[in-house]
Each structure stands twice: as structure tokens, then as C-alpha cells.
Amino acid sequence: MSYSVELIVDGYVKLNDRGELEALLAHRKELLTQLHGVTGVDPKQAIGQVSQEIAVIERALAALGRSQA
């Protein structure tokens, strides 16, 4: 996974910016949906990357939820 995504997610967590994390998650999920429809090339590597990014974002959202409780 790209280190830049981890830095972006960490920044949003530090800012307690749930809205931006949710927007980032929605974007990555839409990207994943589009990748599943790709033909002519093998998108497995890109699908794996985006799936890992989604997992990082979801963990960050879960951590924000716990910190607000």
C-alpha cells in the first residue's frame, strides 16, 4: 500500500475529520467497483492496493468512533 495514503489517513485522524475519511472511503469503494469492471488488462494488483487502502480507512474510522465514545 502507498505510504502517502497512510499519511493522509493519519492526518485526518489527528484532525478528527470523520467527514473527509468517509469521503475518502467512498471514493476508494467506487474505484474498487470500477476496477472490477476493467477488461483487457489484469487489475488484480490495483484491486489489492485499493482493498488495502479501504481497510486502513475503515480502521481509522473505527478508531475515531472509539475515541468519541
C-alpha atoms as a PDB file:
ATOM      1  CA  MET A   1       0.000   0.000   0.000  1.00  0.00           C
ATOM      2  CA  SER A   2       1.137   3.505  -0.638  1.00  0.00           C
ATOM      3  CA  TYR A   3       2.675   5.296   2.294  1.00  0.00           C
ATOM      4  CA  SER A   4       1.004   8.518   1.156  1.00  0.00           C
ATOM      5  CA  VAL A   5      -2.461   7.086   1.850  1.00  0.00           C
ATOM      6  CA  GLU A   6      -1.358   6.153   5.370  1.00  0.00           C
ATOM      7  CA  LEU A   7      -0.127   9.718   5.919  1.00  0.00           C
ATOM      8  CA  ILE A   8      -3.363  11.209   4.613  1.00  0.00           C
ATOM      9  CA  VAL A   9      -5.463   8.942   6.819  1.00  0.00           C
ATOM     10  CA  ASP A  10      -3.271   9.698   9.865  1.00  0.00           C
ATOM     11  CA  GLY A  11      -3.692  13.409   9.199  1.00  0.00           C
ATOM     12  CA  TYR A  12      -7.468  13.139   9.072  1.00  0.00           C
ATOM     13  CA  VAL A  13      -7.448  11.111  12.288  1.00  0.00           C
ATOM     14  CA  LYS A  14      -5.317  13.738  14.052  1.00  0.00           C
ATOM     15  CA  LEU A  15      -7.731  16.410  12.841  1.00  0.00           C
ATOM     16  CA  ASN A  16     -10.659  14.221  13.941  1.00  0.00           C
ATOM     17  CA  ASP A  17     -12.097  14.748  10.439  1.00  0.00           C
ATOM     18  CA  ARG A  18     -14.576  11.913  10.064  1.00  0.00           C
ATOM     19  CA  GLY A  19     -16.203  13.577   7.049  1.00  0.00           C
ATOM     20  CA  GLU A  20     -13.045  13.551   4.973  1.00  0.00           C
ATOM     21  CA  LEU A  21     -12.287   9.964   5.972  1.00  0.00           C
ATOM     22  CA  GLU A  22     -15.776   8.931   4.903  1.00  0.00           C
ATOM     23  CA  ALA A  23     -15.369  10.783   1.589  1.00  0.00           C
ATOM     24  CA  LEU A  24     -12.015   9.081   1.019  1.00  0.00           C
ATOM     25  CA  LEU A  25     -13.589   5.711   1.813  1.00  0.00           C
ATOM     26  CA  ALA A  26     -16.477   6.328  -0.593  1.00  0.00           C
ATOM     27  CA  HIS A  27     -14.016   7.294  -3.335  1.00  0.00           C
ATOM     28  CA  ARG A  28     -11.907   4.169  -2.816  1.00  0.00           C
ATOM     29  CA  LYS A  29     -15.007   1.939  -2.819  1.00  0.00           C
ATOM     30  CA  GLU A  30     -16.173   3.488  -6.094  1.00  0.00           C
ATOM     31  CA  LEU A  31     -12.701   2.984  -7.536  1.00  0.00           C
ATOM     32  CA  LEU A  32     -12.768  -0.660  -6.455  1.00  0.00           C
ATOM     33  CA  THR A  33     -16.137  -1.147  -8.157  1.00  0.00           C
ATOM     34  CA  GLN A  34     -14.766   0.347 -11.363  1.00  0.00           C
ATOM     35  CA  LEU A  35     -11.645  -1.818 -11.222  1.00  0.00           C
ATOM     36  CA  HIS A  36     -13.778  -4.956 -11.034  1.00  0.00           C
ATOM     37  CA  GLY A  37     -15.262  -3.965 -14.391  1.00  0.00           C
ATOM     38  CA  VAL A  38     -11.931  -3.483 -16.159  1.00  0.00           C
ATOM     39  CA  THR A  39     -11.307  -5.683 -19.178  1.00  0.00           C
ATOM     40  CA  GLY A  40      -8.287  -6.059 -21.407  1.00  0.00           C
ATOM     41  CA  VAL A  41      -5.758  -5.871 -18.592  1.00  0.00           C
ATOM     42  CA  ASP A  42      -5.345  -7.678 -15.284  1.00  0.00           C
ATOM     43  CA  PRO A  43      -6.433  -5.301 -12.492  1.00  0.00           C
ATOM     44  CA  LYS A  44      -5.574  -7.689  -9.620  1.00  0.00           C
ATOM     45  CA  GLN A  45      -2.665  -5.629  -8.325  1.00  0.00           C
ATOM     46  CA  ALA A  46      -4.675  -2.398  -8.352  1.00  0.00           C
ATOM     47  CA  ILE A  47      -7.637  -4.160  -6.711  1.00  0.00           C
ATOM     48  CA  GLY A  48      -5.330  -5.421  -3.962  1.00  0.00           C
ATOM     49  CA  GLN A  49      -3.897  -1.944  -3.400  1.00  0.00           C
ATOM     50  CA  VAL A  50      -7.292  -0.269  -3.192  1.00  0.00           C
ATOM     51  CA  SER A  51      -8.610  -3.030  -0.916  1.00  0.00           C
ATOM     52  CA  GLN A  52      -5.703  -2.428   1.481  1.00  0.00           C
ATOM     53  CA  GLU A  53      -6.382   1.310   1.441  1.00  0.00           C
ATOM     54  CA  ILE A  54     -10.046   0.684   2.244  1.00  0.00           C
ATOM     55  CA  ALA A  55      -9.028  -1.463   5.222  1.00  0.00           C
ATOM     56  CA  VAL A  56      -6.756   1.309   6.563  1.00  0.00           C
ATOM     57  CA  ILE A  57      -9.506   3.915   6.212  1.00  0.00           C
ATOM     58  CA  GLU A  58     -12.084   1.659   7.887  1.00  0.00           C
ATOM     59  CA  ARG A  59      -9.706   1.012  10.817  1.00  0.00           C
ATOM     60  CA  ALA A  60      -9.192   4.755  11.197  1.00  0.00           C
ATOM     61  CA  LEU A  61     -12.944   5.390  11.201  1.00  0.00           C
ATOM     62  CA  ALA A  62     -13.404   2.667  13.804  1.00  0.00           C
ATOM     63  CA  ALA A  63     -10.667   4.235  15.949  1.00  0.00           C
ATOM     64  CA  LEU A  64     -12.367   7.624  15.705  1.00  0.00           C
ATOM     65  CA  GLY A  65     -15.626   6.024  16.776  1.00  0.00           C
ATOM     66  CA  ARG A  66     -13.980   4.512  19.844  1.00  0.00           C
ATOM     67  CA  SER A  67     -12.269   7.756  20.805  1.00  0.00           C
ATOM     68  CA  GLN A  68     -15.553   9.671  20.691  1.00  0.00           C
ATOM     69  CA  ALA A  69     -17.376   7.184  22.923  1.00  0.00           C
END
